[in-house]
Amino acid sequence: MCYGHSMRYHKAVEITQREADSIIATGGASLTDVVVISHGDKWFDVRSMTRAECEAFFADLARAEIAADGEEAKKSLPN
């Protein structure tokens, strides 16, 4: 999983929505109450992550999205 150079390594595993639905339906062991997250059209299994790791992952996803939005805005500006 790579969202740009500012993204750190995280234990989140990108999964399909079908896999996310299955994990949600079956519960499953988790270090926190959070088992999967979605961001845009991507889904991630975060069962092996601590609360602090989840928070850092969420923050990195947000930073990556802001950076991507900034790049898109630059491209749309006239030369």
PDB file of N, CA and C in Angstrom:
ATOM      1  N   MET A   1       0.846  -1.156   0.000  1.00  0.00           N
ATOM      2  CA  MET A   1       0.000   0.000   0.000  1.00  0.00           C
ATOM      3  C   MET A   1       0.893   1.220   0.000  1.00  0.00           C
ATOM      4  N   CYS A   2       0.724   2.055  -0.951  1.00  0.00           N
ATOM      5  CA  CYS A   2       1.571   3.253  -1.045  1.00  0.00           C
ATOM      6  C   CYS A   2       0.713   4.443  -1.413  1.00  0.00           C
ATOM      7  N   TYR A   3       0.761   5.465  -0.577  1.00  0.00           N
ATOM      8  CA  TYR A   3      -0.006   6.676  -0.819  1.00  0.00           C
ATOM      9  C   TYR A   3       0.907   7.864  -0.974  1.00  0.00           C
ATOM     10  N   GLY A   4       2.128   7.660  -1.342  1.00  0.00           N
ATOM     11  CA  GLY A   4       3.072   8.759  -1.451  1.00  0.00           C
ATOM     12  C   GLY A   4       4.200   8.578  -0.462  1.00  0.00           C
ATOM     13  N   HIS A   5       5.159   9.446  -0.550  1.00  0.00           N
ATOM     14  CA  HIS A   5       6.360   9.295   0.249  1.00  0.00           C
ATOM     15  C   HIS A   5       6.154   9.581   1.730  1.00  0.00           C
ATOM     16  N   SER A   6       5.088  10.299   2.103  1.00  0.00           N
ATOM     17  CA  SER A   6       4.867  10.626   3.497  1.00  0.00           C
ATOM     18  C   SER A   6       4.199   9.494   4.278  1.00  0.00           C
ATOM     19  N   MET A   7       3.728   8.468   3.597  1.00  0.00           N
ATOM     20  CA  MET A   7       3.051   7.365   4.251  1.00  0.00           C
ATOM     21  C   MET A   7       4.070   6.500   4.983  1.00  0.00           C
ATOM     22  N   ARG A   8       3.816   6.200   6.240  1.00  0.00           N
ATOM     23  CA  ARG A   8       4.664   5.301   7.016  1.00  0.00           C
ATOM     24  C   ARG A   8       4.157   3.885   6.843  1.00  0.00           C
ATOM     25  N   TYR A   9       4.965   2.938   7.284  1.00  0.00           N
ATOM     26  CA  TYR A   9       4.526   1.541   7.271  1.00  0.00           C
ATOM     27  C   TYR A   9       3.426   1.359   8.307  1.00  0.00           C
ATOM     28  N   HIS A  10       2.388   0.680   7.944  1.00  0.00           N
ATOM     29  CA  HIS A  10       1.317   0.336   8.870  1.00  0.00           C
ATOM     30  C   HIS A  10       0.968  -1.126   8.687  1.00  0.00           C
ATOM     31  N   LYS A  11       0.423  -1.724   9.738  1.00  0.00           N
ATOM     32  CA  LYS A  11       0.023  -3.123   9.691  1.00  0.00           C
ATOM     33  C   LYS A  11      -1.340  -3.326   9.042  1.00  0.00           C
ATOM     34  N   ALA A  12      -1.976  -2.255   8.613  1.00  0.00           N
ATOM     35  CA  ALA A  12      -3.275  -2.377   7.950  1.00  0.00           C
ATOM     36  C   ALA A  12      -3.091  -3.143   6.648  1.00  0.00           C
ATOM     37  N   VAL A  13      -4.021  -4.025   6.386  1.00  0.00           N
ATOM     38  CA  VAL A  13      -3.981  -4.838   5.171  1.00  0.00           C
ATOM     39  C   VAL A  13      -5.141  -4.410   4.278  1.00  0.00           C
ATOM     40  N   GLU A  14      -4.830  -4.027   3.041  1.00  0.00           N
ATOM     41  CA  GLU A  14      -5.902  -3.664   2.116  1.00  0.00           C
ATOM     42  C   GLU A  14      -6.667  -4.919   1.736  1.00  0.00           C
ATOM     43  N   ILE A  15      -7.987  -4.820   1.808  1.00  0.00           N
ATOM     44  CA  ILE A  15      -8.867  -5.946   1.517  1.00  0.00           C
ATOM     45  C   ILE A  15      -9.994  -5.470   0.610  1.00  0.00           C
ATOM     46  N   THR A  16     -10.790  -6.416   0.135  1.00  0.00           N
ATOM     47  CA  THR A  16     -11.948  -6.068  -0.685  1.00  0.00           C
ATOM     48  C   THR A  16     -13.137  -5.739   0.219  1.00  0.00           C
ATOM     49  N   GLN A  17     -14.130  -5.120  -0.349  1.00  0.00           N
ATOM     50  CA  GLN A  17     -15.338  -4.826   0.434  1.00  0.00           C
ATOM     51  C   GLN A  17     -16.004  -6.120   0.876  1.00  0.00           C
ATOM     52  N   ARG A  18     -15.981  -7.117   0.041  1.00  0.00           N
ATOM     53  CA  ARG A  18     -16.572  -8.424   0.412  1.00  0.00           C
ATOM     54  C   ARG A  18     -15.846  -9.007   1.622  1.00  0.00           C
ATOM     55  N   GLU A  19     -14.510  -8.926   1.634  1.00  0.00           N
ATOM     56  CA  GLU A  19     -13.754  -9.412   2.789  1.00  0.00           C
ATOM     57  C   GLU A  19     -14.091  -8.585   4.040  1.00  0.00           C
ATOM     58  N   ALA A  20     -14.221  -7.270   3.865  1.00  0.00           N
ATOM     59  CA  ALA A  20     -14.575  -6.397   4.984  1.00  0.00           C
ATOM     60  C   ALA A  20     -15.938  -6.788   5.547  1.00  0.00           C
ATOM     61  N   ASP A  21     -16.904  -7.014   4.667  1.00  0.00           N
ATOM     62  CA  ASP A  21     -18.243  -7.417   5.105  1.00  0.00           C
ATOM     63  C   ASP A  21     -18.191  -8.717   5.904  1.00  0.00           C
ATOM     64  N   SER A  22     -17.367  -9.650   5.452  1.00  0.00           N
ATOM     65  CA  SER A  22     -17.233 -10.935   6.138  1.00  0.00           C
ATOM     66  C   SER A  22     -16.604 -10.746   7.520  1.00  0.00           C
ATOM     67  N   ILE A  23     -15.570  -9.931   7.602  1.00  0.00           N
ATOM     68  CA  ILE A  23     -14.922  -9.674   8.888  1.00  0.00           C
ATOM     69  C   ILE A  23     -15.906  -9.018   9.850  1.00  0.00           C
ATOM     70  N   ILE A  24     -16.661  -8.053   9.356  1.00  0.00           N
ATOM     71  CA  ILE A  24     -17.640  -7.354  10.187  1.00  0.00           C
ATOM     72  C   ILE A  24     -18.713  -8.328  10.670  1.00  0.00           C
ATOM     73  N   ALA A  25     -19.175  -9.190   9.787  1.00  0.00           N
ATOM     74  CA  ALA A  25     -20.248 -10.132  10.123  1.00  0.00           C
ATOM     75  C   ALA A  25     -19.815 -11.169  11.153  1.00  0.00           C
ATOM     76  N   THR A  26     -18.572 -11.595  11.078  1.00  0.00           N
ATOM     77  CA  THR A  26     -18.107 -12.655  11.971  1.00  0.00           C
ATOM     78  C   THR A  26     -17.475 -12.114  13.243  1.00  0.00           C
ATOM     79  N   GLY A  27     -17.300 -10.808  13.323  1.00  0.00           N
ATOM     80  CA  GLY A  27     -16.656 -10.236  14.511  1.00  0.00           C
ATOM     81  C   GLY A  27     -15.162 -10.396  14.408  1.00  0.00           C
ATOM     82  N   GLY A  28     -14.639 -11.392  15.024  1.00  0.00           N
ATOM     83  CA  GLY A  28     -13.206 -11.649  14.949  1.00  0.00           C
ATOM     84  C   GLY A  28     -12.452 -10.908  16.029  1.00  0.00           C
ATOM     85  N   ALA A  29     -11.338 -11.481  16.415  1.00  0.00           N
ATOM     86  CA  ALA A  29     -10.495 -10.895  17.460  1.00  0.00           C
ATOM     87  C   ALA A  29      -9.819  -9.636  16.945  1.00  0.00           C
ATOM     88  N   SER A  30      -9.753  -8.641  17.805  1.00  0.00           N
ATOM     89  CA  SER A  30      -9.154  -7.364  17.446  1.00  0.00           C
ATOM     90  C   SER A  30      -8.521  -6.762  18.680  1.00  0.00           C
ATOM     91  N   LEU A  31      -7.438  -6.009  18.497  1.00  0.00           N
ATOM     92  CA  LEU A  31      -6.806  -5.318  19.615  1.00  0.00           C
ATOM     93  C   LEU A  31      -7.661  -4.145  20.094  1.00  0.00           C
ATOM     94  N   THR A  32      -8.537  -3.644  19.229  1.00  0.00           N
ATOM     95  CA  THR A  32      -9.446  -2.546  19.567  1.00  0.00           C
ATOM     96  C   THR A  32     -10.849  -2.929  19.120  1.00  0.00           C
ATOM     97  N   ASP A  33     -11.788  -2.035  19.243  1.00  0.00           N
ATOM     98  CA  ASP A  33     -13.139  -2.288  18.759  1.00  0.00           C
ATOM     99  C   ASP A  33     -13.232  -2.154  17.243  1.00  0.00           C
ATOM    100  N   VAL A  34     -12.200  -1.591  16.624  1.00  0.00           N
ATOM    101  CA  VAL A  34     -12.193  -1.365  15.182  1.00  0.00           C
ATOM    102  C   VAL A  34     -11.604  -2.596  14.498  1.00  0.00           C
ATOM    103  N   VAL A  35     -12.330  -3.134  13.517  1.00  0.00           N
ATOM    104  CA  VAL A  35     -11.832  -4.304  12.791  1.00  0.00           C
ATOM    105  C   VAL A  35     -11.505  -3.987  11.341  1.00  0.00           C
ATOM    106  N   VAL A  36     -12.284  -3.106  10.722  1.00  0.00           N
ATOM    107  CA  VAL A  36     -12.004  -2.668   9.351  1.00  0.00           C
ATOM    108  C   VAL A  36     -12.307  -1.183   9.250  1.00  0.00           C
ATOM    109  N   ILE A  37     -11.646  -0.528   8.293  1.00  0.00           N
ATOM    110  CA  ILE A  37     -11.993   0.851   7.970  1.00  0.00           C
ATOM    111  C   ILE A  37     -12.088   0.972   6.466  1.00  0.00           C
ATOM    112  N   SER A  38     -12.870   1.936   6.043  1.00  0.00           N
ATOM    113  CA  SER A  38     -12.927   2.241   4.619  1.00  0.00           C
ATOM    114  C   SER A  38     -12.459   3.671   4.438  1.00  0.00           C
ATOM    115  N   HIS A  39     -11.807   3.886   3.331  1.00  0.00           N
ATOM    116  CA  HIS A  39     -11.333   5.223   2.973  1.00  0.00           C
ATOM    117  C   HIS A  39     -11.483   5.337   1.466  1.00  0.00           C
ATOM    118  N   GLY A  40     -12.399   6.198   1.046  1.00  0.00           N
ATOM    119  CA  GLY A  40     -12.688   6.246  -0.387  1.00  0.00           C
ATOM    120  C   GLY A  40     -13.278   4.916  -0.797  1.00  0.00           C
ATOM    121  N   ASP A  41     -12.707   4.318  -1.812  1.00  0.00           N
ATOM    122  CA  ASP A  41     -13.190   3.007  -2.260  1.00  0.00           C
ATOM    123  C   ASP A  41     -12.282   1.879  -1.784  1.00  0.00           C
ATOM    124  N   LYS A  42     -11.413   2.153  -0.834  1.00  0.00           N
ATOM    125  CA  LYS A  42     -10.501   1.143  -0.303  1.00  0.00           C
ATOM    126  C   LYS A  42     -10.952   0.698   1.082  1.00  0.00           C
ATOM    127  N   TRP A  43     -10.694  -0.564   1.386  1.00  0.00           N
ATOM    128  CA  TRP A  43     -11.029  -1.158   2.675  1.00  0.00           C
ATOM    129  C   TRP A  43      -9.754  -1.723   3.282  1.00  0.00           C
ATOM    130  N   PHE A  44      -9.640  -1.643   4.607  1.00  0.00           N
ATOM    131  CA  PHE A  44      -8.445  -2.111   5.308  1.00  0.00           C
ATOM    132  C   PHE A  44      -8.828  -2.924   6.534  1.00  0.00           C
ATOM    133  N   ASP A  45      -8.134  -4.043   6.723  1.00  0.00           N
ATOM    134  CA  ASP A  45      -8.264  -4.873   7.916  1.00  0.00           C
ATOM    135  C   ASP A  45      -7.280  -4.303   8.943  1.00  0.00           C
ATOM    136  N   VAL A  46      -7.789  -3.802  10.064  1.00  0.00           N
ATOM    137  CA  VAL A  46      -6.935  -3.185  11.083  1.00  0.00           C
ATOM    138  C   VAL A  46      -7.011  -3.939  12.412  1.00  0.00           C
ATOM    139  N   ARG A  47      -7.411  -5.193  12.373  1.00  0.00           N
ATOM    140  CA  ARG A  47      -7.571  -5.969  13.605  1.00  0.00           C
ATOM    141  C   ARG A  47      -6.276  -6.119  14.383  1.00  0.00           C
ATOM    142  N   SER A  48      -5.134  -6.119  13.716  1.00  0.00           N
ATOM    143  CA  SER A  48      -3.861  -6.333  14.415  1.00  0.00           C
ATOM    144  C   SER A  48      -3.226  -5.032  14.908  1.00  0.00           C
ATOM    145  N   MET A  49      -3.931  -3.926  14.746  1.00  0.00           N
ATOM    146  CA  MET A  49      -3.361  -2.629  15.105  1.00  0.00           C
ATOM    147  C   MET A  49      -3.897  -2.136  16.450  1.00  0.00           C
ATOM    148  N   THR A  50      -3.020  -1.496  17.223  1.00  0.00           N
ATOM    149  CA  THR A  50      -3.434  -0.874  18.471  1.00  0.00           C
ATOM    150  C   THR A  50      -4.197   0.410  18.162  1.00  0.00           C
ATOM    151  N   ARG A  51      -4.805   0.984  19.183  1.00  0.00           N
ATOM    152  CA  ARG A  51      -5.527   2.251  18.991  1.00  0.00           C
ATOM    153  C   ARG A  51      -4.583   3.332  18.471  1.00  0.00           C
ATOM    154  N   ALA A  52      -3.381   3.432  19.024  1.00  0.00           N
ATOM    155  CA  ALA A  52      -2.413   4.440  18.572  1.00  0.00           C
ATOM    156  C   ALA A  52      -2.012   4.200  17.120  1.00  0.00           C
ATOM    157  N   GLU A  53      -1.822   2.945  16.741  1.00  0.00           N
ATOM    158  CA  GLU A  53      -1.473   2.627  15.355  1.00  0.00           C
ATOM    159  C   GLU A  53      -2.624   2.980  14.413  1.00  0.00           C
ATOM    160  N   CYS A  54      -3.859   2.704  14.838  1.00  0.00           N
ATOM    161  CA  CYS A  54      -5.025   3.067  14.019  1.00  0.00           C
ATOM    162  C   CYS A  54      -5.094   4.577  13.837  1.00  0.00           C
ATOM    163  N   GLU A  55      -4.887   5.309  14.916  1.00  0.00           N
ATOM    164  CA  GLU A  55      -4.941   6.773  14.826  1.00  0.00           C
ATOM    165  C   GLU A  55      -3.858   7.313  13.893  1.00  0.00           C
ATOM    166  N   ALA A  56      -2.644   6.749  13.971  1.00  0.00           N
ATOM    167  CA  ALA A  56      -1.562   7.173  13.077  1.00  0.00           C
ATOM    168  C   ALA A  56      -1.903   6.828  11.626  1.00  0.00           C
ATOM    169  N   PHE A  57      -2.512   5.672  11.413  1.00  0.00           N
ATOM    170  CA  PHE A  57      -2.907   5.255  10.070  1.00  0.00           C
ATOM    171  C   PHE A  57      -3.974   6.190   9.513  1.00  0.00           C
ATOM    172  N   PHE A  58      -4.994   6.500  10.326  1.00  0.00           N
ATOM    173  CA  PHE A  58      -6.035   7.435   9.896  1.00  0.00           C
ATOM    174  C   PHE A  58      -5.429   8.778   9.521  1.00  0.00           C
ATOM    175  N   ALA A  59      -4.497   9.257  10.351  1.00  0.00           N
ATOM    176  CA  ALA A  59      -3.856  10.556  10.088  1.00  0.00           C
ATOM    177  C   ALA A  59      -3.061  10.514   8.785  1.00  0.00           C
ATOM    178  N   ASP A  60      -2.356   9.419   8.538  1.00  0.00           N
ATOM    179  CA  ASP A  60      -1.596   9.298   7.295  1.00  0.00           C
ATOM    180  C   ASP A  60      -2.514   9.238   6.079  1.00  0.00           C
ATOM    181  N   LEU A  61      -3.643   8.544   6.205  1.00  0.00           N
ATOM    182  CA  LEU A  61      -4.607   8.513   5.098  1.00  0.00           C
ATOM    183  C   LEU A  61      -5.111   9.920   4.797  1.00  0.00           C
ATOM    184  N   ALA A  62      -5.409  10.683   5.838  1.00  0.00           N
ATOM    185  CA  ALA A  62      -5.899  12.047   5.647  1.00  0.00           C
ATOM    186  C   ALA A  62      -4.837  12.924   5.003  1.00  0.00           C
ATOM    187  N   ARG A  63      -3.589  12.804   5.476  1.00  0.00           N
ATOM    188  CA  ARG A  63      -2.499  13.600   4.880  1.00  0.00           C
ATOM    189  C   ARG A  63      -2.295  13.235   3.417  1.00  0.00           C
ATOM    190  N   ALA A  64      -2.345  11.958   3.109  1.00  0.00           N
ATOM    191  CA  ALA A  64      -2.164  11.516   1.726  1.00  0.00           C
ATOM    192  C   ALA A  64      -3.288  12.049   0.838  1.00  0.00           C
ATOM    193  N   GLU A  65      -4.510  12.067   1.365  1.00  0.00           N
ATOM    194  CA  GLU A  65      -5.641  12.582   0.595  1.00  0.00           C
ATOM    195  C   GLU A  65      -5.490  14.081   0.350  1.00  0.00           C
ATOM    196  N   ILE A  66      -5.075  14.813   1.366  1.00  0.00           N
ATOM    197  CA  ILE A  66      -4.854  16.254   1.220  1.00  0.00           C
ATOM    198  C   ILE A  66      -3.754  16.524   0.200  1.00  0.00           C
ATOM    199  N   ALA A  67      -2.673  15.742   0.269  1.00  0.00           N
ATOM    200  CA  ALA A  67      -1.571  15.917  -0.685  1.00  0.00           C
ATOM    201  C   ALA A  67      -2.033  15.616  -2.108  1.00  0.00           C
ATOM    202  N   ALA A  68      -2.822  14.564  -2.272  1.00  0.00           N
ATOM    203  CA  ALA A  68      -3.325  14.208  -3.602  1.00  0.00           C
ATOM    204  C   ALA A  68      -4.256  15.291  -4.131  1.00  0.00           C
ATOM    205  N   ASP A  69      -5.105  15.825  -3.248  1.00  0.00           N
ATOM    206  CA  ASP A  69      -6.000  16.909  -3.657  1.00  0.00           C
ATOM    207  C   ASP A  69      -5.203  18.130  -4.080  1.00  0.00           C
ATOM    208  N   GLY A  70      -4.109  18.423  -3.373  1.00  0.00           N
ATOM    209  CA  GLY A  70      -3.247  19.551  -3.720  1.00  0.00           C
ATOM    210  C   GLY A  70      -2.599  19.363  -5.077  1.00  0.00           C
ATOM    211  N   GLU A  71      -2.167  18.154  -5.374  1.00  0.00           N
ATOM    212  CA  GLU A  71      -1.563  17.866  -6.677  1.00  0.00           C
ATOM    213  C   GLU A  71      -2.589  18.025  -7.791  1.00  0.00           C
ATOM    214  N   GLU A  72      -3.809  17.553  -7.552  1.00  0.00           N
ATOM    215  CA  GLU A  72      -4.867  17.696  -8.554  1.00  0.00           C
ATOM    216  C   GLU A  72      -5.174  19.169  -8.788  1.00  0.00           C
ATOM    217  N   ALA A  73      -5.184  19.953  -7.714  1.00  0.00           N
ATOM    218  CA  ALA A  73      -5.462  21.388  -7.846  1.00  0.00           C
ATOM    219  C   ALA A  73      -4.367  22.075  -8.655  1.00  0.00           C
ATOM    220  N   LYS A  74      -3.120  21.697  -8.434  1.00  0.00           N
ATOM    221  CA  LYS A  74      -2.006  22.268  -9.200  1.00  0.00           C
ATOM    222  C   LYS A  74      -2.142  21.963 -10.689  1.00  0.00           C
ATOM    223  N   LYS A  75      -2.554  20.742 -10.995  1.00  0.00           N
ATOM    224  CA  LYS A  75      -2.702  20.328 -12.387  1.00  0.00           C
ATOM    225  C   LYS A  75      -3.820  21.086 -13.086  1.00  0.00           C
ATOM    226  N   SER A  76      -4.827  21.501 -12.329  1.00  0.00           N
ATOM    227  CA  SER A  76      -5.967  22.165 -12.940  1.00  0.00           C
ATOM    228  C   SER A  76      -5.727  23.666 -13.134  1.00  0.00           C
ATOM    229  N   LEU A  77      -4.660  24.194 -12.552  1.00  0.00           N
ATOM    230  CA  LEU A  77      -4.353  25.626 -12.729  1.00  0.00           C
ATOM    231  C   LEU A  77      -3.814  25.884 -14.122  1.00  0.00           C
ATOM    232  N   PRO A  78      -4.151  27.039 -14.717  1.00  0.00           N
ATOM    233  CA  PRO A  78      -3.590  27.355 -16.032  1.00  0.00           C
ATOM    234  C   PRO A  78      -2.093  27.620 -15.901  1.00  0.00           C
ATOM    235  N   ASN A  79      -1.368  27.316 -16.933  1.00  0.00           N
ATOM    236  CA  ASN A  79       0.092  27.507 -16.900  1.00  0.00           C
ATOM    237  C   ASN A  79       0.407  28.933 -16.855  1.00  0.00           C
TER     238      ASN A  79
END
